[in-house]
Amino acid sequence: MAPPRSFLWTRRIVLTLLTAFVLLPVYVMVSSSLKPLADVTGTFRWLPSSLTVRPYIDIWSTVPLAKYFVNSLIVAGAATVCSVVIAIFAAYAVSRYDFRGKRVFTVTVLSTQMFPGILFLLPLFLIYVNIGNATGIALFGSRGGLILTYLTFSLPFSIWMLIGYFDSVPRDLDEAALVDGCGPLKALFRVVVPAAVPGIVAVAVYAFMTAWGEVLFASVMTNDTTRTLAVGLQGYSTLYDVYWNQIMAASLVVSVPVVAGFLLLQRYLVAGLTAGAVK
C-alpha cells in the first residue's frame, strides 16, 4: 500500500529543510575561505564578489600548521592504535572468560563515562608534574602525556563496545579453533578478530575522532612544540586582527582526514555500531 501524498510531501519538505540546515554552514565556510579578508570582515554576501585561493596558501605560513598537523596525526594515531589493541585483549577476556570481579570491572569501565572530562584535568596535570619531578619522565607538555590522557577517555568506551560485539560472535568459532590446535591468542587473532572487523573499525574511528578534535586537554597539556591542530587554530586570531578567511580554510583542511576516513569506513562503522548493540 502506497503512503498518502501528504506524507510524501511532508517528508520531502522536512528532508529539504534538514539538508539546508546542514549544508548552509558548510557553504559559509567554503565561501568565506575563498574571499579576501576585507570581504569576510565586511558585509556578508551570499555570492562572493571576488574569489581567491590565497587563504589556502597563507594558512601554512601564518601559523606552523604543518607542525600542528603532524602532532595531531601522531597523537591521534597512537591513541587509536593503543585503544584498539588494549580494548581487543580486555574485551575478549571479559567476553570469553569468567573471573572474579568481572562484573565490577565492567561496571567500573562503563561508569567512567558518567563524569565530565574537565574533572580529570587538574588531577592529571598534578600527576604528570609530580611524575616529571620524581622520575624525570616528561609527560606534561609531551606527545606521550597527551596520548595517555586521550586513552583515559577512549579506552573505557572502546572496551565496553567491543565486549558487546565479541558477545555477538559465536563461541563455536573459538571452540573449533581450539579443537584444531590453536591456543587462546591464536584463536583470537585468526578467528575472532577477522569476524569482529566492523566492531574494531567502529572503535578505531571513535578513538581517532576523540583525539583529533579535543581542545581542553590539548590546550593545557601541550606547549609550542607539541601543540595540536585543535589548539593551533587559535593562532589565526592575533591581538590586532582575526584572519577569518584563513580560519575557515584551515578548518576545512583539518576536517579532510576525518571526513575521508569516515567515508571510506562508513560501511564498517555502521555495521559495527549496530551489530555490537544487539545480542
Protein backbone atom coordinates (compact mmCIF):
# COMPACT_ATOMS: atom_id res chain seq x y z
CA MET A 1 0.00 0.00 0.00
CA ALA A 2 1.46 3.32 -1.11
CA PRO A 3 1.78 6.06 1.53
CA PRO A 4 -0.54 9.06 1.20
CA ARG A 5 0.61 12.07 -0.80
CA SER A 6 0.52 14.31 2.28
CA PHE A 7 3.09 12.07 3.96
CA LEU A 8 5.37 12.12 0.89
CA TRP A 9 5.26 15.92 0.64
CA THR A 10 5.82 16.32 4.37
CA ARG A 11 8.85 14.04 4.18
CA ARG A 12 10.27 15.96 1.23
CA ILE A 13 9.84 19.30 2.98
CA VAL A 14 11.40 18.07 6.22
CA LEU A 15 14.35 16.46 4.43
CA THR A 16 14.89 19.59 2.35
CA LEU A 17 14.93 21.78 5.47
CA LEU A 18 17.31 19.43 7.26
CA THR A 19 19.64 19.35 4.24
CA ALA A 20 19.66 23.14 4.05
CA PHE A 21 20.31 23.34 7.80
CA VAL A 22 23.34 21.05 7.46
CA LEU A 23 24.79 22.43 4.24
CA LEU A 24 24.34 26.14 4.99
CA PRO A 25 27.25 26.37 7.49
CA VAL A 26 29.44 24.37 5.11
CA TYR A 27 28.67 26.81 2.29
CA VAL A 28 29.51 29.77 4.54
CA MET A 29 32.84 28.16 5.47
CA VAL A 30 33.76 27.37 1.86
CA SER A 31 32.73 30.77 0.51
CA SER A 32 34.49 32.64 3.34
CA SER A 33 37.68 30.66 2.79
CA LEU A 34 37.76 31.84 -0.84
CA LYS A 35 37.28 35.54 -0.07
CA PRO A 36 39.87 38.22 0.67
CA LEU A 37 39.98 39.24 4.32
CA ALA A 38 38.35 42.61 3.60
CA ASP A 39 35.30 40.88 2.10
CA VAL A 40 34.96 38.50 5.06
CA THR A 41 35.14 41.25 7.69
CA GLY A 42 32.73 43.47 5.74
CA THR A 43 29.04 42.95 5.00
CA PHE A 44 28.30 39.29 4.36
CA ARG A 45 27.38 38.41 0.79
CA TRP A 46 25.99 35.07 -0.25
CA LEU A 47 27.75 35.36 -3.61
CA PRO A 48 31.40 36.44 -3.27
CA SER A 49 32.38 39.46 -5.36
CA SER A 50 35.87 38.00 -5.89
CA LEU A 51 37.41 34.60 -5.34
CA THR A 52 40.98 33.78 -4.29
CA VAL A 53 42.86 30.73 -3.11
CA ARG A 54 45.37 32.86 -1.25
CA PRO A 55 43.99 31.91 2.19
CA TYR A 56 44.79 28.23 1.50
CA ILE A 57 48.40 29.24 0.79
CA ASP A 58 48.78 31.66 3.69
CA ILE A 59 47.48 29.24 6.35
CA TRP A 60 50.79 27.36 6.27
CA SER A 61 52.89 30.46 6.96
CA THR A 62 50.68 32.46 9.33
CA VAL A 63 50.99 29.66 11.90
CA PRO A 64 53.11 26.46 11.73
CA LEU A 65 50.09 24.47 10.61
CA ALA A 66 52.20 21.62 9.17
CA LYS A 67 53.83 21.02 12.56
CA TYR A 68 50.45 21.02 14.28
CA PHE A 69 49.16 18.63 11.63
CA VAL A 70 51.99 16.19 12.29
CA ASN A 71 51.46 16.41 16.05
CA SER A 72 47.76 15.68 15.68
CA LEU A 73 48.41 12.73 13.38
CA ILE A 74 50.96 11.23 15.78
CA VAL A 75 48.85 11.75 18.90
CA ALA A 76 45.55 10.66 17.37
CA GLY A 77 47.12 7.71 15.54
CA ALA A 78 48.99 6.45 18.60
CA ALA A 79 45.93 6.87 20.83
CA THR A 80 43.83 4.96 18.29
CA VAL A 81 46.27 2.06 17.98
CA CYS A 82 46.70 1.75 21.76
CA SER A 83 42.94 1.93 22.34
CA VAL A 84 42.21 -0.77 19.76
CA VAL A 85 44.96 -3.16 20.90
CA ILE A 86 44.22 -2.87 24.62
CA ALA A 87 40.45 -2.97 24.06
CA ILE A 88 40.72 -6.17 22.00
CA PHE A 89 42.52 -8.06 24.76
CA ALA A 90 40.38 -6.66 27.58
CA ALA A 91 37.06 -7.17 25.77
CA TYR A 92 37.99 -10.71 24.71
CA ALA A 93 38.88 -11.63 28.29
CA VAL A 94 35.61 -10.25 29.63
CA SER A 95 33.54 -11.78 26.84
CA ARG A 96 35.04 -15.28 26.86
CA TYR A 97 36.25 -15.93 30.42
CA ASP A 98 34.70 -15.89 33.88
CA PHE A 99 36.89 -14.44 36.58
CA ARG A 100 36.50 -12.88 39.98
CA GLY A 101 35.48 -9.24 39.80
CA LYS A 102 34.29 -9.44 36.19
CA ARG A 103 31.04 -7.59 36.85
CA VAL A 104 32.81 -4.95 38.95
CA PHE A 105 35.33 -4.39 36.16
CA THR A 106 32.59 -3.99 33.54
CA VAL A 107 30.57 -1.58 35.67
CA THR A 108 33.67 0.43 36.55
CA VAL A 109 34.69 0.74 32.91
CA LEU A 110 31.22 1.92 31.93
CA SER A 111 30.81 4.26 34.92
CA THR A 112 33.86 6.30 33.88
CA GLN A 113 31.75 7.71 31.04
CA MET A 114 29.43 9.35 33.57
CA PHE A 115 31.91 12.04 34.60
CA PRO A 116 32.76 15.14 32.53
CA GLY A 117 36.32 15.24 31.28
CA ILE A 118 37.09 18.55 32.95
CA LEU A 119 37.03 16.81 36.35
CA PHE A 120 40.20 14.92 35.37
CA LEU A 121 42.11 17.97 34.11
CA LEU A 122 43.64 19.11 37.40
CA PRO A 123 44.38 15.59 38.75
CA LEU A 124 46.13 14.56 35.54
CA PHE A 125 48.08 17.83 35.48
CA LEU A 126 49.32 17.26 39.05
CA ILE A 127 50.13 13.60 38.35
CA TYR A 128 52.16 14.44 35.25
CA VAL A 129 54.05 17.24 37.00
CA ASN A 130 54.85 15.06 40.04
CA ILE A 131 55.97 12.15 37.85
CA GLY A 132 58.24 14.51 35.92
CA ASN A 133 59.76 15.90 39.11
CA ALA A 134 60.27 12.46 40.66
CA THR A 135 61.48 10.43 37.67
CA GLY A 136 62.47 12.94 35.01
CA ILE A 137 59.91 11.47 32.58
CA ALA A 138 58.38 14.47 30.82
CA LEU A 139 54.68 13.68 30.50
CA PHE A 140 53.48 17.25 30.82
CA GLY A 141 53.95 19.11 27.56
CA SER A 142 54.81 15.95 25.60
CA ARG A 143 53.02 13.88 23.00
CA GLY A 144 53.24 10.78 25.21
CA GLY A 145 51.41 12.51 28.05
CA LEU A 146 48.68 13.67 25.68
CA ILE A 147 48.31 10.14 24.29
CA LEU A 148 47.88 8.76 27.82
CA THR A 149 45.32 11.47 28.51
CA TYR A 150 43.23 10.54 25.48
CA LEU A 151 43.39 6.86 26.44
CA THR A 152 41.56 7.69 29.67
CA PHE A 153 38.61 8.82 27.53
CA SER A 154 38.58 6.48 24.56
CA LEU A 155 39.70 3.22 26.18
CA PRO A 156 36.74 2.62 28.58
CA PHE A 157 34.15 3.13 25.85
CA SER A 158 36.20 1.07 23.39
CA ILE A 159 36.35 -1.85 25.82
CA TRP A 160 32.64 -1.65 26.56
CA MET A 161 31.68 -1.52 22.88
CA LEU A 162 33.95 -4.42 21.92
CA ILE A 163 32.59 -6.54 24.77
CA GLY A 164 29.14 -6.26 23.23
CA TYR A 165 30.48 -7.07 19.78
CA PHE A 166 32.56 -10.06 20.90
CA ASP A 167 29.50 -11.40 22.71
CA SER A 168 27.69 -11.45 19.36
CA VAL A 169 30.45 -13.57 17.78
CA PRO A 170 29.53 -17.27 18.24
CA ARG A 171 31.66 -19.11 20.77
CA ASP A 172 31.62 -22.10 18.44
CA LEU A 173 34.28 -20.35 16.36
CA ASP A 174 36.63 -20.24 19.35
CA GLU A 175 35.94 -23.86 20.23
CA ALA A 176 36.52 -25.00 16.66
CA ALA A 177 39.85 -23.16 16.59
CA LEU A 178 40.89 -24.71 19.90
CA VAL A 179 40.00 -28.17 18.61
CA ASP A 180 42.19 -27.54 15.55
CA GLY A 181 45.15 -26.89 17.85
CA CYS A 182 45.08 -23.11 18.22
CA GLY A 183 45.82 -21.53 21.56
CA PRO A 184 43.69 -18.74 23.02
CA LEU A 185 45.75 -15.96 21.43
CA LYS A 186 45.94 -17.71 18.10
CA ALA A 187 42.17 -18.26 18.14
CA LEU A 188 41.66 -14.59 18.97
CA PHE A 189 43.73 -13.24 16.08
CA ARG A 190 42.89 -15.89 13.48
CA VAL A 191 39.19 -16.37 14.16
CA VAL A 192 37.58 -13.78 16.43
CA VAL A 193 39.34 -10.62 15.22
CA PRO A 194 38.55 -11.23 11.50
CA ALA A 195 34.91 -11.81 12.45
CA ALA A 196 34.88 -8.62 14.53
CA VAL A 197 36.40 -6.24 11.97
CA PRO A 198 33.33 -3.92 11.83
CA GLY A 199 33.34 -3.51 15.61
CA ILE A 200 37.08 -2.88 15.70
CA VAL A 201 36.78 -0.28 12.94
CA ALA A 202 33.99 1.47 14.86
CA VAL A 203 36.22 1.59 17.94
CA ALA A 204 39.15 2.93 15.91
CA VAL A 205 37.05 5.69 14.33
CA TYR A 206 35.68 6.70 17.73
CA ALA A 207 39.14 6.80 19.33
CA PHE A 208 40.62 8.78 16.43
CA MET A 209 37.85 11.38 16.34
CA THR A 210 38.02 11.79 20.12
CA ALA A 211 41.73 12.59 19.97
CA TRP A 212 41.66 14.59 16.73
CA GLY A 213 39.19 17.28 17.78
CA GLU A 214 39.86 17.55 21.53
CA VAL A 215 40.65 21.09 22.72
CA LEU A 216 40.55 21.37 26.51
CA PHE A 217 43.32 18.94 27.47
CA ALA A 218 45.40 19.78 24.39
CA SER A 219 45.42 23.45 25.37
CA VAL A 220 46.73 22.65 28.86
CA MET A 221 48.94 19.58 28.33
CA THR A 222 50.92 20.86 25.32
CA ASN A 223 53.45 23.58 24.57
CA ASP A 224 54.59 25.37 21.41
CA THR A 225 56.41 22.23 20.20
CA THR A 226 53.68 19.63 20.83
CA ARG A 227 50.60 21.75 20.11
CA THR A 228 47.87 20.03 18.08
CA LEU A 229 45.61 21.34 15.35
CA ALA A 230 42.59 21.92 17.58
CA VAL A 231 44.63 24.37 19.65
CA GLY A 232 46.82 25.67 16.84
CA LEU A 233 43.83 27.17 15.01
CA GLN A 234 43.70 29.83 17.71
CA GLY A 235 46.91 31.25 16.21
CA TYR A 236 44.93 32.87 13.40
CA SER A 237 43.41 35.22 15.96
CA THR A 238 46.01 37.83 16.94
CA LEU A 239 45.92 40.88 19.16
CA TYR A 240 45.35 43.17 16.21
CA ASP A 241 43.34 41.13 13.72
CA VAL A 242 41.44 37.91 13.13
CA TYR A 243 42.14 36.13 9.84
CA TRP A 244 38.64 34.74 9.34
CA ASN A 245 39.24 33.56 5.81
CA GLN A 246 42.33 31.62 6.89
CA ILE A 247 40.47 30.16 9.86
CA MET A 248 37.78 28.85 7.54
CA ALA A 249 40.37 27.50 5.09
CA ALA A 250 42.36 25.81 7.87
CA SER A 251 39.18 24.33 9.36
CA LEU A 252 38.31 22.75 6.03
CA VAL A 253 41.84 21.39 5.61
CA VAL A 254 41.81 19.97 9.14
CA SER A 255 38.50 18.21 8.56
CA VAL A 256 39.70 16.41 5.41
CA PRO A 257 41.33 13.38 7.17
CA VAL A 258 38.29 12.79 9.39
CA VAL A 259 35.75 13.16 6.59
CA ALA A 260 37.78 10.99 4.19
CA GLY A 261 38.27 8.29 6.81
CA PHE A 262 34.60 8.31 7.71
CA LEU A 263 33.51 7.99 4.08
CA LEU A 264 35.94 5.12 3.47
CA LEU A 265 34.98 3.24 6.64
CA GLN A 266 31.30 4.16 6.79
CA ARG A 267 30.13 0.66 5.89
CA TYR A 268 32.19 -0.96 8.65
CA LEU A 269 31.30 1.77 11.14
CA VAL A 270 27.54 1.33 10.73
CA ALA A 271 27.83 -2.46 10.87
CA GLY A 272 29.98 -2.29 13.99
CA LEU A 273 27.69 0.08 15.88
CA THR A 274 24.53 -1.87 15.04
CA ALA A 275 25.87 -5.42 15.46
CA GLY A 276 27.60 -4.66 18.73
CA ALA A 277 24.40 -3.30 20.21
CA VAL A 278 22.35 -6.44 19.57
CA LYS A 279 22.91 -9.73 21.34
